[in-house]
């Protein structure tokens, strides 16, 4: 009986140590969970505050862009915070239980190198997507050209940019493949139009007519709200094979550039017809060799 009691007495310190380690482990997990909740709530409040700052002063489409940008940034920061908290908590728990950390660090390094080599494209796309959002290179609704594909941006994630072209096709472009991003609707758009007239026309008169029509067009109640600056007639831009090209620049809201261009082309065509100014086109003369020889 005494032997059993001695064994129980000897086991009590070990049991107390185990219970202490369990309690400390639970404490570490609890603290890590509380830190995660506080970080998550603080980050979400920051995102909401940044979205609301000046939101009443910007158009609705820009508010959507701001939301997308801050939501993506917060997603990245949240994932980084979660990984950091889990790794630190795991290392502390291993120290509590006396588990050597060095072998795990070595294994983790090897695994990390292997994963990094196997997922280079994925990591590259994620990093590129992060900088696309941080630098605000383009946003939802912008018309862009990336990796040889053009279209309106429908969605931006850390890995891909989703575009829809004029034919309705949806393109998923990995962000890592984007070397140059051309944004056609950033801030403002310049509609550049070359109006071709015949060589027999008085260039000064042509420029005066085009300038007058551009001014009237920009002051039309249907279009004046979309113009951000007065139209500019730059003058003769090209002496072509059969025409003289006069360049006009219209500075308008980005999303209206194409509809404005089509409307102005229609208006200038009607004005040139009314002013009896020739819009040239190439002629082709076909000569029958047999008739020529007979003549």
C-alpha atoms as a PDB file:
ATOM      1  CA  UNK A   1       0.000   0.000   0.000  1.00  0.00           C
ATOM      2  CA  UNK A   2       2.876   2.292   0.820  1.00  0.00           C
ATOM      3  CA  UNK A   3       4.421   1.596  -2.604  1.00  0.00           C
ATOM      4  CA  UNK A   4       1.241   2.761  -4.345  1.00  0.00           C
ATOM      5  CA  UNK A   5       1.105   5.880  -2.228  1.00  0.00           C
ATOM      6  CA  UNK A   6       4.748   6.618  -2.990  1.00  0.00           C
ATOM      7  CA  UNK A   7       4.080   6.320  -6.725  1.00  0.00           C
ATOM      8  CA  UNK A   8       1.113   8.667  -6.481  1.00  0.00           C
ATOM      9  CA  UNK A   9       3.184  11.139  -4.485  1.00  0.00           C
ATOM     10  CA  UNK A  10       5.977  11.004  -7.049  1.00  0.00           C
ATOM     11  CA  UNK A  11       3.514  11.559  -9.918  1.00  0.00           C
ATOM     12  CA  UNK A  12       1.867  14.601  -8.377  1.00  0.00           C
ATOM     13  CA  UNK A  13       4.652  17.069  -9.296  1.00  0.00           C
ATOM     14  CA  UNK A  14       4.674  15.796 -12.880  1.00  0.00           C
ATOM     15  CA  UNK A  15       0.872  16.120 -13.082  1.00  0.00           C
ATOM     16  CA  UNK A  16       1.081  19.618 -11.666  1.00  0.00           C
ATOM     17  CA  UNK A  17       3.675  20.486 -14.299  1.00  0.00           C
ATOM     18  CA  UNK A  18       1.457  19.110 -17.072  1.00  0.00           C
ATOM     19  CA  UNK A  19      -1.574  20.998 -15.780  1.00  0.00           C
ATOM     20  CA  UNK A  20       0.521  24.127 -15.558  1.00  0.00           C
ATOM     21  CA  UNK A  21       1.704  23.697 -19.148  1.00  0.00           C
ATOM     22  CA  UNK A  22      -1.876  23.075 -20.302  1.00  0.00           C
ATOM     23  CA  UNK A  23      -3.094  26.169 -18.463  1.00  0.00           C
ATOM     24  CA  UNK A  24      -0.264  28.247 -19.936  1.00  0.00           C
ATOM     25  CA  UNK A  25      -0.996  26.889 -23.412  1.00  0.00           C
ATOM     26  CA  UNK A  26      -4.663  27.804 -23.093  1.00  0.00           C
ATOM     27  CA  UNK A  27      -3.620  31.255 -21.862  1.00  0.00           C
ATOM     28  CA  UNK A  28      -1.367  31.769 -24.897  1.00  0.00           C
ATOM     29  CA  UNK A  29      -4.147  30.652 -27.252  1.00  0.00           C
ATOM     30  CA  UNK A  30      -6.631  32.935 -25.512  1.00  0.00           C
ATOM     31  CA  UNK A  31      -4.289  35.931 -25.688  1.00  0.00           C
ATOM     32  CA  UNK A  32      -3.607  35.240 -29.362  1.00  0.00           C
ATOM     33  CA  UNK A  33      -7.342  35.031 -30.047  1.00  0.00           C
ATOM     34  CA  UNK A  34      -7.987  38.312 -28.227  1.00  0.00           C
ATOM     35  CA  UNK A  35      -5.177  40.005 -30.161  1.00  0.00           C
ATOM     36  CA  UNK A  36      -6.697  38.706 -33.412  1.00  0.00           C
ATOM     37  CA  UNK A  37     -10.158  40.034 -32.502  1.00  0.00           C
ATOM     38  CA  UNK A  38      -8.756  43.441 -31.525  1.00  0.00           C
ATOM     39  CA  UNK A  39      -6.662  43.619 -34.703  1.00  0.00           C
ATOM     40  CA  UNK A  40      -9.601  42.594 -36.865  1.00  0.00           C
ATOM     41  CA  UNK A  41     -11.967  45.124 -35.310  1.00  0.00           C
ATOM     42  CA  UNK A  42      -9.417  47.949 -35.384  1.00  0.00           C
ATOM     43  CA  UNK A  43      -8.558  47.225 -39.009  1.00  0.00           C
ATOM     44  CA  UNK A  44     -12.201  47.146 -40.058  1.00  0.00           C
ATOM     45  CA  UNK A  45     -12.857  50.447 -38.298  1.00  0.00           C
ATOM     46  CA  UNK A  46      -9.876  51.952 -40.112  1.00  0.00           C
ATOM     47  CA  UNK A  47     -11.206  50.715 -43.473  1.00  0.00           C
ATOM     48  CA  UNK A  48     -14.682  52.116 -42.750  1.00  0.00           C
ATOM     49  CA  UNK A  49     -13.240  55.464 -41.661  1.00  0.00           C
ATOM     50  CA  UNK A  50     -11.042  55.746 -44.764  1.00  0.00           C
ATOM     51  CA  UNK A  51     -13.979  54.889 -47.031  1.00  0.00           C
ATOM     52  CA  UNK A  52     -16.216  57.491 -45.374  1.00  0.00           C
ATOM     53  CA  UNK A  53     -13.600  60.245 -45.518  1.00  0.00           C
ATOM     54  CA  UNK A  54     -14.709  62.557 -48.314  1.00  0.00           C
ATOM     55  CA  UNK A  55     -17.153  59.953 -49.679  1.00  0.00           C
ATOM     56  CA  UNK A  56     -19.868  62.579 -50.110  1.00  0.00           C
ATOM     57  CA  UNK A  57     -17.635  64.620 -52.405  1.00  0.00           C
ATOM     58  CA  UNK A  58     -16.809  61.952 -54.980  1.00  0.00           C
ATOM     59  CA  UNK A  59     -18.992  60.278 -57.634  1.00  0.00           C
ATOM     60  CA  UNK A  60     -20.581  56.918 -56.964  1.00  0.00           C
ATOM     61  CA  UNK A  61     -18.217  55.005 -59.266  1.00  0.00           C
ATOM     62  CA  UNK A  62     -15.229  56.443 -57.396  1.00  0.00           C
ATOM     63  CA  UNK A  63     -16.787  55.373 -54.084  1.00  0.00           C
ATOM     64  CA  UNK A  64     -16.947  51.812 -55.448  1.00  0.00           C
ATOM     65  CA  UNK A  65     -13.285  52.061 -56.423  1.00  0.00           C
ATOM     66  CA  UNK A  66     -12.351  53.298 -52.948  1.00  0.00           C
ATOM     67  CA  UNK A  67     -14.272  50.432 -51.350  1.00  0.00           C
ATOM     68  CA  UNK A  68     -12.565  47.869 -53.596  1.00  0.00           C
ATOM     69  CA  UNK A  69      -9.132  49.326 -52.926  1.00  0.00           C
ATOM     70  CA  UNK A  70      -9.455  49.486 -49.135  1.00  0.00           C
ATOM     71  CA  UNK A  71     -11.196  46.108 -48.951  1.00  0.00           C
ATOM     72  CA  UNK A  72      -8.344  44.480 -50.865  1.00  0.00           C
ATOM     73  CA  UNK A  73      -5.715  46.200 -48.734  1.00  0.00           C
ATOM     74  CA  UNK A  74      -7.471  45.125 -45.551  1.00  0.00           C
ATOM     75  CA  UNK A  75      -7.711  41.540 -46.859  1.00  0.00           C
ATOM     76  CA  UNK A  76      -3.946  41.428 -47.361  1.00  0.00           C
ATOM     77  CA  UNK A  77      -3.166  42.999 -43.989  1.00  0.00           C
ATOM     78  CA  UNK A  78      -5.656  40.694 -42.252  1.00  0.00           C
ATOM     79  CA  UNK A  79      -4.028  37.594 -43.736  1.00  0.00           C
ATOM     80  CA  UNK A  80      -0.562  38.816 -42.773  1.00  0.00           C
ATOM     81  CA  UNK A  81      -1.738  39.564 -39.236  1.00  0.00           C
ATOM     82  CA  UNK A  82      -3.375  36.133 -38.913  1.00  0.00           C
ATOM     83  CA  UNK A  83      -0.270  34.299 -40.097  1.00  0.00           C
ATOM     84  CA  UNK A  84       1.968  36.350 -37.789  1.00  0.00           C
ATOM     85  CA  UNK A  85      -0.224  35.744 -34.726  1.00  0.00           C
ATOM     86  CA  UNK A  86      -0.521  32.003 -35.408  1.00  0.00           C
ATOM     87  CA  UNK A  87       3.229  31.570 -35.957  1.00  0.00           C
ATOM     88  CA  UNK A  88       4.165  33.532 -32.823  1.00  0.00           C
ATOM     89  CA  UNK A  89       1.590  31.706 -30.694  1.00  0.00           C
ATOM     90  CA  UNK A  90       2.823  28.357 -32.035  1.00  0.00           C
ATOM     91  CA  UNK A  91       6.428  29.188 -31.176  1.00  0.00           C
ATOM     92  CA  UNK A  92       5.452  30.255 -27.634  1.00  0.00           C
ATOM     93  CA  UNK A  93       3.446  27.044 -27.094  1.00  0.00           C
ATOM     94  CA  UNK A  94       6.360  24.953 -28.314  1.00  0.00           C
ATOM     95  CA  UNK A  95       8.593  26.744 -25.819  1.00  0.00           C
ATOM     96  CA  UNK A  96       6.110  26.043 -23.026  1.00  0.00           C
ATOM     97  CA  UNK A  97       6.201  22.321 -23.743  1.00  0.00           C
ATOM     98  CA  UNK A  98       9.964  22.270 -24.162  1.00  0.00           C
ATOM     99  CA  UNK A  99       9.814  21.333 -27.836  1.00  0.00           C
ATOM    100  CA  UNK A 100      13.023  22.313 -29.687  1.00  0.00           C
ATOM    101  CA  UNK A 101      12.274  25.047 -32.190  1.00  0.00           C
ATOM    102  CA  UNK A 102      15.437  24.788 -34.312  1.00  0.00           C
ATOM    103  CA  UNK A 103      14.465  21.561 -36.191  1.00  0.00           C
ATOM    104  CA  UNK A 104      11.043  22.983 -37.059  1.00  0.00           C
ATOM    105  CA  UNK A 105      12.603  26.203 -38.270  1.00  0.00           C
ATOM    106  CA  UNK A 106      14.936  24.199 -40.504  1.00  0.00           C
ATOM    107  CA  UNK A 107      12.055  22.108 -41.871  1.00  0.00           C
ATOM    108  CA  UNK A 108       9.943  25.225 -42.349  1.00  0.00           C
ATOM    109  CA  UNK A 109      12.764  26.887 -44.255  1.00  0.00           C
ATOM    110  CA  UNK A 110      13.118  23.917 -46.598  1.00  0.00           C
ATOM    111  CA  UNK A 111       9.364  23.667 -47.117  1.00  0.00           C
ATOM    112  CA  UNK A 112       9.126  27.424 -47.674  1.00  0.00           C
ATOM    113  CA  UNK A 113      11.851  27.299 -50.315  1.00  0.00           C
ATOM    114  CA  UNK A 114      10.117  24.387 -52.060  1.00  0.00           C
ATOM    115  CA  UNK A 115       6.734  26.081 -52.013  1.00  0.00           C
ATOM    116  CA  UNK A 116       8.290  29.344 -53.161  1.00  0.00           C
ATOM    117  CA  UNK A 117       9.963  27.690 -56.142  1.00  0.00           C
ATOM    118  CA  UNK A 118       6.799  25.815 -57.089  1.00  0.00           C
ATOM    119  CA  UNK A 119       4.497  28.799 -56.721  1.00  0.00           C
ATOM    120  CA  UNK A 120       6.608  31.576 -58.183  1.00  0.00           C
ATOM    121  CA  UNK A 121       3.904  32.690 -60.602  1.00  0.00           C
ATOM    122  CA  UNK A 122       1.278  32.731 -57.854  1.00  0.00           C
ATOM    123  CA  UNK A 123       3.466  34.738 -55.479  1.00  0.00           C
ATOM    124  CA  UNK A 124       4.444  37.091 -58.302  1.00  0.00           C
ATOM    125  CA  UNK A 125       0.779  37.698 -59.165  1.00  0.00           C
ATOM    126  CA  UNK A 126      -0.174  38.303 -55.524  1.00  0.00           C
ATOM    127  CA  UNK A 127       2.617  40.832 -55.009  1.00  0.00           C
ATOM    128  CA  UNK A 128       1.778  42.565 -58.299  1.00  0.00           C
ATOM    129  CA  UNK A 129      -1.915  42.677 -57.358  1.00  0.00           C
ATOM    130  CA  UNK A 130      -1.066  44.230 -54.020  1.00  0.00           C
ATOM    131  CA  UNK A 131       0.851  47.050 -55.703  1.00  0.00           C
ATOM    132  CA  UNK A 132      -1.900  47.548 -58.287  1.00  0.00           C
ATOM    133  CA  UNK A 133      -4.291  48.278 -55.437  1.00  0.00           C
ATOM    134  CA  UNK A 134      -1.873  50.265 -53.267  1.00  0.00           C
ATOM    135  CA  UNK A 135      -0.719  52.484 -56.139  1.00  0.00           C
ATOM    136  CA  UNK A 136      -4.269  52.823 -57.489  1.00  0.00           C
ATOM    137  CA  UNK A 137      -3.112  52.044 -61.038  1.00  0.00           C
ATOM    138  CA  UNK A 138      -6.697  51.353 -62.073  1.00  0.00           C
ATOM    139  CA  UNK A 139     -10.031  50.579 -60.462  1.00  0.00           C
ATOM    140  CA  UNK A 140     -13.397  48.988 -61.117  1.00  0.00           C
ATOM    141  CA  UNK A 141     -15.054  50.550 -64.142  1.00  0.00           C
ATOM    142  CA  UNK A 142     -11.834  51.844 -65.709  1.00  0.00           C
ATOM    143  CA  UNK A 143     -11.107  50.883 -69.305  1.00  0.00           C
ATOM    144  CA  UNK A 144      -7.579  49.505 -69.422  1.00  0.00           C
ATOM    145  CA  UNK A 145      -5.166  47.571 -71.585  1.00  0.00           C
ATOM    146  CA  UNK A 146      -3.118  44.989 -69.671  1.00  0.00           C
ATOM    147  CA  UNK A 147      -1.083  42.067 -71.000  1.00  0.00           C
ATOM    148  CA  UNK A 148      -2.412  42.720 -74.501  1.00  0.00           C
ATOM    149  CA  UNK A 149      -6.081  42.588 -73.411  1.00  0.00           C
ATOM    150  CA  UNK A 150      -8.407  45.616 -73.381  1.00  0.00           C
ATOM    151  CA  UNK A 151     -11.694  46.016 -71.570  1.00  0.00           C
ATOM    152  CA  UNK A 152     -13.546  47.447 -68.597  1.00  0.00           C
ATOM    153  CA  UNK A 153     -12.320  46.345 -65.169  1.00  0.00           C
ATOM    154  CA  UNK A 154     -15.020  44.300 -63.419  1.00  0.00           C
ATOM    155  CA  UNK A 155     -13.033  42.916 -60.502  1.00  0.00           C
ATOM    156  CA  UNK A 156      -9.575  43.172 -58.955  1.00  0.00           C
ATOM    157  CA  UNK A 157      -8.181  40.456 -56.707  1.00  0.00           C
ATOM    158  CA  UNK A 158      -4.684  39.898 -55.438  1.00  0.00           C
ATOM    159  CA  UNK A 159      -4.097  37.257 -58.121  1.00  0.00           C
ATOM    160  CA  UNK A 160      -6.069  38.415 -61.160  1.00  0.00           C
ATOM    161  CA  UNK A 161      -7.677  41.369 -62.878  1.00  0.00           C
ATOM    162  CA  UNK A 162     -11.027  40.598 -64.537  1.00  0.00           C
ATOM    163  CA  UNK A 163     -11.833  42.519 -67.736  1.00  0.00           C
ATOM    164  CA  UNK A 164     -14.880  42.518 -70.006  1.00  0.00           C
ATOM    165  CA  UNK A 165     -14.298  43.638 -73.597  1.00  0.00           C
ATOM    166  CA  UNK A 166     -16.736  45.257 -76.029  1.00  0.00           C
ATOM    167  CA  UNK A 167     -17.897  41.853 -77.300  1.00  0.00           C
ATOM    168  CA  UNK A 168     -18.853  40.810 -73.775  1.00  0.00           C
ATOM    169  CA  UNK A 169     -16.012  38.330 -73.323  1.00  0.00           C
ATOM    170  CA  UNK A 170     -14.540  38.123 -69.837  1.00  0.00           C
ATOM    171  CA  UNK A 171     -10.753  37.936 -69.475  1.00  0.00           C
ATOM    172  CA  UNK A 172      -8.968  36.832 -66.299  1.00  0.00           C
ATOM    173  CA  UNK A 173      -5.478  38.330 -66.456  1.00  0.00           C
ATOM    174  CA  UNK A 174      -2.914  37.187 -63.850  1.00  0.00           C
ATOM    175  CA  UNK A 175      -1.468  40.293 -62.233  1.00  0.00           C
ATOM    176  CA  UNK A 176       2.021  38.854 -62.526  1.00  0.00           C
ATOM    177  CA  UNK A 177       1.751  39.034 -66.333  1.00  0.00           C
ATOM    178  CA  UNK A 178       1.033  42.775 -66.310  1.00  0.00           C
ATOM    179  CA  UNK A 179       4.177  44.651 -67.272  1.00  0.00           C
ATOM    180  CA  UNK A 180       2.470  47.814 -68.534  1.00  0.00           C
ATOM    181  CA  UNK A 181      -1.033  48.930 -67.541  1.00  0.00           C
ATOM    182  CA  UNK A 182      -2.625  51.545 -69.786  1.00  0.00           C
ATOM    183  CA  UNK A 183      -5.587  53.266 -68.120  1.00  0.00           C
ATOM    184  CA  UNK A 184      -7.796  55.054 -70.656  1.00  0.00           C
ATOM    185  CA  UNK A 185     -10.155  56.502 -68.042  1.00  0.00           C
ATOM    186  CA  UNK A 186      -7.906  57.902 -65.312  1.00  0.00           C
ATOM    187  CA  UNK A 187      -8.937  61.355 -64.119  1.00  0.00           C
ATOM    188  CA  UNK A 188      -9.897  62.699 -67.522  1.00  0.00           C
ATOM    189  CA  UNK A 189      -9.805  61.588 -71.142  1.00  0.00           C
ATOM    190  CA  UNK A 190      -8.671  63.478 -74.209  1.00  0.00           C
ATOM    191  CA  UNK A 191     -10.683  62.652 -77.310  1.00  0.00           C
ATOM    192  CA  UNK A 192      -8.295  63.249 -80.207  1.00  0.00           C
ATOM    193  CA  UNK A 193      -9.977  63.565 -83.614  1.00  0.00           C
ATOM    194  CA  UNK A 194      -8.354  64.253 -86.982  1.00  0.00           C
ATOM    195  CA  UNK A 195     -10.798  65.887 -89.406  1.00  0.00           C
ATOM    196  CA  UNK A 196      -9.757  65.303 -93.028  1.00  0.00           C
ATOM    197  CA  UNK A 197     -10.537  67.893 -95.724  1.00  0.00           C
ATOM    198  CA  UNK A 198      -9.573  68.243 -99.364  1.00  0.00           C
ATOM    199  CA  UNK A 199      -6.444  70.022-100.583  1.00  0.00           C
ATOM    200  CA  UNK A 200      -8.614  72.490-102.469  1.00  0.00           C
ATOM    201  CA  UNK A 201     -10.143  73.903 -99.288  1.00  0.00           C
ATOM    202  CA  UNK A 202      -9.013  77.086 -97.514  1.00  0.00           C
ATOM    203  CA  UNK A 203      -7.230  75.743 -94.411  1.00  0.00           C
ATOM    204  CA  UNK A 204      -7.844  78.886 -92.337  1.00  0.00           C
ATOM    205  CA  UNK A 205     -11.561  78.726 -93.067  1.00  0.00           C
ATOM    206  CA  UNK A 206     -11.651  75.023 -92.284  1.00  0.00           C
ATOM    207  CA  UNK A 207      -9.970  75.576 -88.903  1.00  0.00           C
ATOM    208  CA  UNK A 208     -12.409  78.385 -88.117  1.00  0.00           C
ATOM    209  CA  UNK A 209     -15.423  76.212 -88.981  1.00  0.00           C
ATOM    210  CA  UNK A 210     -14.141  73.242 -86.966  1.00  0.00           C
ATOM    211  CA  UNK A 211     -13.364  75.461 -83.951  1.00  0.00           C
ATOM    212  CA  UNK A 212     -16.802  77.036 -84.108  1.00  0.00           C
ATOM    213  CA  UNK A 213     -18.525  73.645 -84.317  1.00  0.00           C
ATOM    214  CA  UNK A 214     -16.427  72.233 -81.437  1.00  0.00           C
ATOM    215  CA  UNK A 215     -17.336  75.208 -79.255  1.00  0.00           C
ATOM    216  CA  UNK A 216     -21.040  74.894 -80.060  1.00  0.00           C
ATOM    217  CA  UNK A 217     -20.886  71.171 -79.410  1.00  0.00           C
ATOM    218  CA  UNK A 218     -19.247  71.629 -75.990  1.00  0.00           C
ATOM    219  CA  UNK A 219     -21.876  74.212 -75.001  1.00  0.00           C
ATOM    220  CA  UNK A 220     -24.797  72.029 -76.040  1.00  0.00           C
ATOM    221  CA  UNK A 221     -26.964  71.268 -72.967  1.00  0.00           C
ATOM    222  CA  UNK A 222     -26.690  67.577 -73.781  1.00  0.00           C
ATOM    223  CA  UNK A 223     -22.887  67.571 -73.574  1.00  0.00           C
ATOM    224  CA  UNK A 224     -21.677  70.578 -71.600  1.00  0.00           C
ATOM    225  CA  UNK A 225     -21.697  68.674 -68.284  1.00  0.00           C
ATOM    226  CA  UNK A 226     -19.183  66.089 -69.535  1.00  0.00           C
ATOM    227  CA  UNK A 227     -16.599  68.601 -70.786  1.00  0.00           C
ATOM    228  CA  UNK A 228     -13.775  69.349 -68.353  1.00  0.00           C
ATOM    229  CA  UNK A 229     -12.079  71.992 -70.502  1.00  0.00           C
ATOM    230  CA  UNK A 230     -12.668  74.042 -73.618  1.00  0.00           C
ATOM    231  CA  UNK A 231     -12.170  72.220 -76.963  1.00  0.00           C
ATOM    232  CA  UNK A 232      -8.832  72.869 -78.608  1.00  0.00           C
ATOM    233  CA  UNK A 233      -8.147  72.926 -82.351  1.00  0.00           C
ATOM    234  CA  UNK A 234      -4.421  72.287 -82.692  1.00  0.00           C
ATOM    235  CA  UNK A 235      -4.311  73.035 -86.410  1.00  0.00           C
ATOM    236  CA  UNK A 236      -2.990  71.066 -89.379  1.00  0.00           C
ATOM    237  CA  UNK A 237      -1.629  67.766 -88.130  1.00  0.00           C
ATOM    238  CA  UNK A 238      -0.875  65.921 -91.373  1.00  0.00           C
ATOM    239  CA  UNK A 239      -0.571  66.478 -95.096  1.00  0.00           C
ATOM    240  CA  UNK A 240      -1.729  63.093 -96.304  1.00  0.00           C
ATOM    241  CA  UNK A 241      -1.833  61.471 -99.732  1.00  0.00           C
ATOM    242  CA  UNK A 242      -5.260  62.897-100.537  1.00  0.00           C
ATOM    243  CA  UNK A 243      -6.282  64.986 -97.513  1.00  0.00           C
ATOM    244  CA  UNK A 244      -5.287  67.660 -95.029  1.00  0.00           C
ATOM    245  CA  UNK A 245      -5.895  66.550 -91.430  1.00  0.00           C
ATOM    246  CA  UNK A 246      -6.888  69.091 -88.785  1.00  0.00           C
ATOM    247  CA  UNK A 247      -6.563  67.851 -85.193  1.00  0.00           C
ATOM    248  CA  UNK A 248      -9.163  68.582 -82.501  1.00  0.00           C
ATOM    249  CA  UNK A 249      -8.830  67.683 -78.790  1.00  0.00           C
ATOM    250  CA  UNK A 250     -11.877  67.352 -76.534  1.00  0.00           C
ATOM    251  CA  UNK A 251     -11.213  66.948 -72.788  1.00  0.00           C
ATOM    252  CA  UNK A 252     -14.122  65.084 -71.206  1.00  0.00           C
ATOM    253  CA  UNK A 253     -15.083  62.785 -68.360  1.00  0.00           C
ATOM    254  CA  UNK A 254     -13.360  59.407 -68.788  1.00  0.00           C
ATOM    255  CA  UNK A 255     -16.452  57.234 -69.104  1.00  0.00           C
ATOM    256  CA  UNK A 256     -17.975  59.515 -71.766  1.00  0.00           C
ATOM    257  CA  UNK A 257     -15.059  59.650 -74.190  1.00  0.00           C
ATOM    258  CA  UNK A 258     -16.413  57.197 -76.757  1.00  0.00           C
ATOM    259  CA  UNK A 259     -19.983  58.490 -76.863  1.00  0.00           C
ATOM    260  CA  UNK A 260     -18.676  62.062 -77.153  1.00  0.00           C
ATOM    261  CA  UNK A 261     -16.380  61.060 -80.000  1.00  0.00           C
ATOM    262  CA  UNK A 262     -19.200  59.432 -81.955  1.00  0.00           C
ATOM    263  CA  UNK A 263     -21.523  62.390 -81.373  1.00  0.00           C
ATOM    264  CA  UNK A 264     -18.896  64.956 -82.421  1.00  0.00           C
ATOM    265  CA  UNK A 265     -18.000  63.037 -85.581  1.00  0.00           C
ATOM    266  CA  UNK A 266     -21.667  63.098 -86.537  1.00  0.00           C
ATOM    267  CA  UNK A 267     -21.920  66.817 -85.789  1.00  0.00           C
ATOM    268  CA  UNK A 268     -18.762  67.779 -87.698  1.00  0.00           C
ATOM    269  CA  UNK A 269     -19.814  65.705 -90.715  1.00  0.00           C
ATOM    270  CA  UNK A 270     -23.116  67.560 -90.903  1.00  0.00           C
ATOM    271  CA  UNK A 271     -21.376  70.924 -90.416  1.00  0.00           C
ATOM    272  CA  UNK A 272     -18.824  70.294 -93.172  1.00  0.00           C
ATOM    273  CA  UNK A 273     -21.622  69.246 -95.511  1.00  0.00           C
ATOM    274  CA  UNK A 274     -23.528  72.427 -94.669  1.00  0.00           C
ATOM    275  CA  UNK A 275     -20.413  74.554 -95.295  1.00  0.00           C
ATOM    276  CA  UNK A 276     -19.752  72.684 -98.579  1.00  0.00           C
ATOM    277  CA  UNK A 277     -16.308  71.629 -97.382  1.00  0.00           C
ATOM    278  CA  UNK A 278     -15.062  68.486 -99.095  1.00  0.00           C
ATOM    279  CA  UNK A 279     -14.306  65.395 -97.060  1.00  0.00           C
ATOM    280  CA  UNK A 280     -12.004  63.549 -99.464  1.00  0.00           C
ATOM    281  CA  UNK A 281     -11.724  59.859-100.147  1.00  0.00           C
ATOM    282  CA  UNK A 282      -9.448  58.013-102.565  1.00  0.00           C
ATOM    283  CA  UNK A 283     -10.579  57.430-106.141  1.00  0.00           C
ATOM    284  CA  UNK A 284      -9.651  54.393-108.162  1.00  0.00           C
ATOM    285  CA  UNK A 285      -9.636  54.516-111.970  1.00  0.00           C
ATOM    286  CA  UNK A 286      -9.726  51.195-113.828  1.00  0.00           C
ATOM    287  CA  UNK A 287      -8.520  51.201-117.432  1.00  0.00           C
ATOM    288  CA  UNK A 288      -9.278  48.341-119.773  1.00  0.00           C
ATOM    289  CA  UNK A 289      -6.030  47.642-121.625  1.00  0.00           C
ATOM    290  CA  UNK A 290      -7.832  46.323-124.696  1.00  0.00           C
ATOM    291  CA  UNK A 291      -9.939  49.467-125.055  1.00  0.00           C
ATOM    292  CA  UNK A 292      -6.857  51.591-124.522  1.00  0.00           C
ATOM    293  CA  UNK A 293      -5.020  49.763-127.295  1.00  0.00           C
ATOM    294  CA  UNK A 294      -7.979  50.090-129.627  1.00  0.00           C
ATOM    295  CA  UNK A 295      -8.085  53.806-128.986  1.00  0.00           C
END
